[in-house]
């Protein structure tokens, strides 16, 4: 008898549900779901130098009140 393993779950790459959340709980959720990535919090309007896609990074953009203003995603 052969045991068939289910396919591995696809790793999450976007967190639209955290838009509107305060930064800290959003970062905690992302870090819990993807402990293999670094989470960067950036104030809205921060100038980002293009450095290419980084599969080990998630950027969380926050507004002036500390709420997530864009969908965080891998890259």
N, C-alpha and C. Protein backbone atom coordinates (compact mmCIF):
# COMPACT_ATOMS: atom_id res chain seq x y z
N UNK A 1 0.84 -1.18 0.00
CA UNK A 1 0.00 0.00 0.00
C UNK A 1 0.88 1.24 0.00
N UNK A 2 0.63 2.16 -0.93
CA UNK A 2 1.40 3.38 -1.04
C UNK A 2 0.63 4.54 -0.41
N UNK A 3 1.32 5.28 0.43
CA UNK A 3 0.70 6.45 1.05
C UNK A 3 1.03 7.66 0.18
N UNK A 4 0.01 8.38 -0.22
CA UNK A 4 0.21 9.56 -1.06
C UNK A 4 0.10 10.79 -0.18
N UNK A 5 1.17 11.56 -0.16
CA UNK A 5 1.19 12.79 0.63
C UNK A 5 0.48 13.90 -0.14
N UNK A 6 -0.25 14.77 0.56
CA UNK A 6 -0.86 15.91 -0.13
C UNK A 6 0.22 16.87 -0.58
N UNK A 7 -0.04 17.65 -1.63
CA UNK A 7 0.97 18.61 -2.07
C UNK A 7 1.21 19.66 -0.99
N UNK A 8 2.43 20.18 -0.92
CA UNK A 8 2.70 21.21 0.09
C UNK A 8 1.85 22.44 -0.19
N UNK A 9 1.42 23.08 0.88
CA UNK A 9 0.61 24.29 0.72
C UNK A 9 1.44 25.39 0.07
N UNK A 10 0.81 26.10 -0.81
CA UNK A 10 1.52 27.20 -1.46
C UNK A 10 1.74 28.31 -0.44
N UNK A 11 2.94 28.86 -0.45
CA UNK A 11 3.27 29.91 0.51
C UNK A 11 2.57 31.20 0.11
N UNK A 12 2.06 31.87 1.09
CA UNK A 12 1.34 33.12 0.89
C UNK A 12 2.32 34.20 0.40
N UNK A 13 1.87 35.05 -0.52
CA UNK A 13 2.75 36.10 -1.05
C UNK A 13 2.13 37.49 -0.97
N UNK A 14 0.85 37.60 -0.59
CA UNK A 14 0.18 38.89 -0.46
C UNK A 14 -0.73 38.86 0.77
N UNK A 15 -0.92 40.02 1.39
CA UNK A 15 -1.76 40.12 2.59
C UNK A 15 -2.75 41.28 2.44
N UNK A 16 -3.73 41.17 1.55
CA UNK A 16 -4.69 42.26 1.38
C UNK A 16 -5.54 42.49 2.63
N UNK A 17 -5.71 41.46 3.44
CA UNK A 17 -6.55 41.58 4.63
C UNK A 17 -6.00 42.53 5.68
N UNK A 18 -4.70 42.88 5.62
CA UNK A 18 -4.13 43.76 6.65
C UNK A 18 -4.18 45.24 6.29
N UNK A 19 -4.66 45.57 5.10
CA UNK A 19 -4.81 46.99 4.75
C UNK A 19 -5.80 47.60 5.73
N UNK A 20 -5.40 48.72 6.32
CA UNK A 20 -6.23 49.38 7.33
C UNK A 20 -5.89 48.98 8.76
N UNK A 21 -5.05 47.95 8.92
CA UNK A 21 -4.61 47.54 10.26
C UNK A 21 -3.48 48.46 10.72
N UNK A 22 -3.26 48.50 12.03
CA UNK A 22 -2.08 49.16 12.57
C UNK A 22 -0.86 48.33 12.15
N UNK A 23 0.29 48.98 12.05
CA UNK A 23 1.50 48.33 11.54
C UNK A 23 1.91 47.11 12.35
N UNK A 24 1.93 47.22 13.68
CA UNK A 24 2.45 46.13 14.51
C UNK A 24 1.68 44.82 14.33
N UNK A 25 0.35 44.82 14.44
CA UNK A 25 -0.34 43.54 14.23
C UNK A 25 -0.21 43.02 12.80
N UNK A 26 -0.12 43.93 11.84
CA UNK A 26 0.06 43.49 10.44
C UNK A 26 1.40 42.80 10.28
N UNK A 27 2.44 43.38 10.82
CA UNK A 27 3.79 42.79 10.74
C UNK A 27 3.81 41.45 11.47
N UNK A 28 3.16 41.37 12.63
CA UNK A 28 3.13 40.12 13.38
C UNK A 28 2.43 39.01 12.58
N UNK A 29 1.33 39.34 11.92
CA UNK A 29 0.61 38.35 11.11
C UNK A 29 1.48 37.85 9.96
N UNK A 30 2.11 38.78 9.26
CA UNK A 30 2.97 38.41 8.13
C UNK A 30 4.13 37.55 8.61
N UNK A 31 4.78 37.98 9.68
CA UNK A 31 5.92 37.23 10.21
C UNK A 31 5.50 35.84 10.70
N UNK A 32 4.29 35.73 11.25
CA UNK A 32 3.80 34.42 11.71
C UNK A 32 3.54 33.50 10.51
N UNK A 33 2.94 34.05 9.46
CA UNK A 33 2.60 33.24 8.29
C UNK A 33 3.80 32.95 7.40
N UNK A 34 4.78 33.84 7.40
CA UNK A 34 5.97 33.66 6.56
C UNK A 34 7.23 34.01 7.36
N UNK A 35 7.60 33.16 8.30
CA UNK A 35 8.80 33.45 9.12
C UNK A 35 10.09 33.46 8.30
N UNK A 36 10.01 33.03 7.04
CA UNK A 36 11.19 32.97 6.18
C UNK A 36 11.47 34.29 5.46
N UNK A 37 10.67 35.33 5.70
CA UNK A 37 10.89 36.62 5.02
C UNK A 37 11.15 37.72 6.04
N UNK A 38 11.86 38.75 5.60
CA UNK A 38 12.08 39.95 6.41
C UNK A 38 10.94 40.93 6.10
N UNK A 39 10.38 41.52 7.13
CA UNK A 39 9.29 42.47 6.96
C UNK A 39 9.84 43.87 7.23
N UNK A 40 9.69 44.76 6.24
CA UNK A 40 10.14 46.15 6.38
C UNK A 40 8.91 47.05 6.47
N UNK A 41 8.91 47.98 7.43
CA UNK A 41 7.83 48.95 7.56
C UNK A 41 8.34 50.28 7.03
N UNK A 42 7.60 50.84 6.07
CA UNK A 42 8.01 52.09 5.44
C UNK A 42 6.89 53.12 5.50
N UNK A 43 7.20 54.34 5.93
CA UNK A 43 6.18 55.39 5.91
C UNK A 43 5.77 55.70 4.47
N UNK A 44 4.49 56.04 4.32
CA UNK A 44 3.97 56.39 3.01
C UNK A 44 4.82 57.51 2.40
N UNK A 45 5.14 57.37 1.14
CA UNK A 45 5.93 58.38 0.45
C UNK A 45 7.43 58.16 0.53
N UNK A 46 7.86 57.12 1.23
CA UNK A 46 9.29 56.82 1.31
C UNK A 46 9.81 56.51 -0.09
N UNK A 47 10.88 57.15 -0.45
CA UNK A 47 11.49 56.90 -1.76
C UNK A 47 12.29 55.61 -1.67
N UNK A 48 11.97 54.70 -2.57
CA UNK A 48 12.64 53.39 -2.57
C UNK A 48 13.47 53.28 -3.83
N UNK A 49 14.74 53.05 -3.65
CA UNK A 49 15.63 52.83 -4.79
C UNK A 49 15.31 51.46 -5.38
N UNK A 50 15.16 51.39 -6.69
CA UNK A 50 14.89 50.08 -7.29
C UNK A 50 16.07 49.13 -7.07
N UNK A 51 15.78 48.03 -6.41
CA UNK A 51 16.85 47.05 -6.17
C UNK A 51 16.42 45.66 -6.61
N UNK A 52 15.37 45.60 -7.41
CA UNK A 52 14.93 44.32 -7.95
C UNK A 52 14.04 43.55 -7.00
N UNK A 53 13.49 42.50 -7.51
CA UNK A 53 12.60 41.63 -6.75
C UNK A 53 13.41 40.87 -5.71
N UNK A 54 12.88 40.79 -4.50
CA UNK A 54 13.54 40.06 -3.42
C UNK A 54 12.51 39.12 -2.79
N UNK A 55 12.64 37.84 -3.05
CA UNK A 55 11.66 36.86 -2.56
C UNK A 55 11.74 36.64 -1.05
N UNK A 56 12.68 37.29 -0.39
CA UNK A 56 12.82 37.15 1.06
C UNK A 56 12.44 38.44 1.78
N UNK A 57 11.61 39.28 1.12
CA UNK A 57 11.25 40.58 1.71
C UNK A 57 9.77 40.87 1.47
N UNK A 58 9.16 41.48 2.50
CA UNK A 58 7.81 42.05 2.39
C UNK A 58 7.90 43.47 2.90
N UNK A 59 7.43 44.41 2.10
CA UNK A 59 7.40 45.81 2.53
C UNK A 59 5.98 46.18 2.94
N UNK A 60 5.86 46.78 4.12
CA UNK A 60 4.57 47.22 4.64
C UNK A 60 4.59 48.74 4.64
N UNK A 61 3.76 49.34 3.81
CA UNK A 61 3.68 50.80 3.72
C UNK A 61 2.59 51.28 4.66
N UNK A 62 2.94 52.28 5.48
CA UNK A 62 1.97 52.81 6.44
C UNK A 62 1.72 54.29 6.19
N UNK A 63 0.51 54.74 6.58
CA UNK A 63 0.17 56.15 6.43
C UNK A 63 0.69 56.92 7.65
N UNK A 64 0.37 58.21 7.71
CA UNK A 64 0.87 59.07 8.80
C UNK A 64 0.32 58.67 10.17
N UNK A 65 -0.76 57.91 10.19
CA UNK A 65 -1.34 57.46 11.46
C UNK A 65 -0.86 56.07 11.88
N UNK A 66 -0.03 55.43 11.05
CA UNK A 66 0.51 54.12 11.39
C UNK A 66 -0.31 52.96 10.89
N UNK A 67 -1.25 53.23 9.99
CA UNK A 67 -2.09 52.17 9.42
C UNK A 67 -1.54 51.72 8.07
N UNK A 68 -1.67 50.43 7.78
CA UNK A 68 -1.20 49.87 6.51
C UNK A 68 -2.02 50.51 5.38
N UNK A 69 -1.31 51.07 4.40
CA UNK A 69 -1.98 51.84 3.34
C UNK A 69 -1.95 51.15 1.98
N UNK A 70 -1.15 50.09 1.84
CA UNK A 70 -1.07 49.35 0.58
C UNK A 70 -1.01 47.86 0.91
N UNK A 71 -1.35 47.04 -0.08
CA UNK A 71 -1.30 45.60 0.13
C UNK A 71 0.17 45.16 0.24
N UNK A 72 0.57 44.61 1.39
CA UNK A 72 1.92 44.08 1.52
C UNK A 72 2.07 42.84 0.64
N UNK A 73 3.21 42.74 -0.04
CA UNK A 73 3.46 41.56 -0.86
C UNK A 73 4.94 41.27 -0.93
N UNK A 74 5.24 40.01 -1.25
CA UNK A 74 6.63 39.59 -1.41
C UNK A 74 7.26 40.40 -2.55
N UNK A 75 8.48 40.78 -2.36
CA UNK A 75 9.19 41.46 -3.43
C UNK A 75 10.10 42.48 -2.91
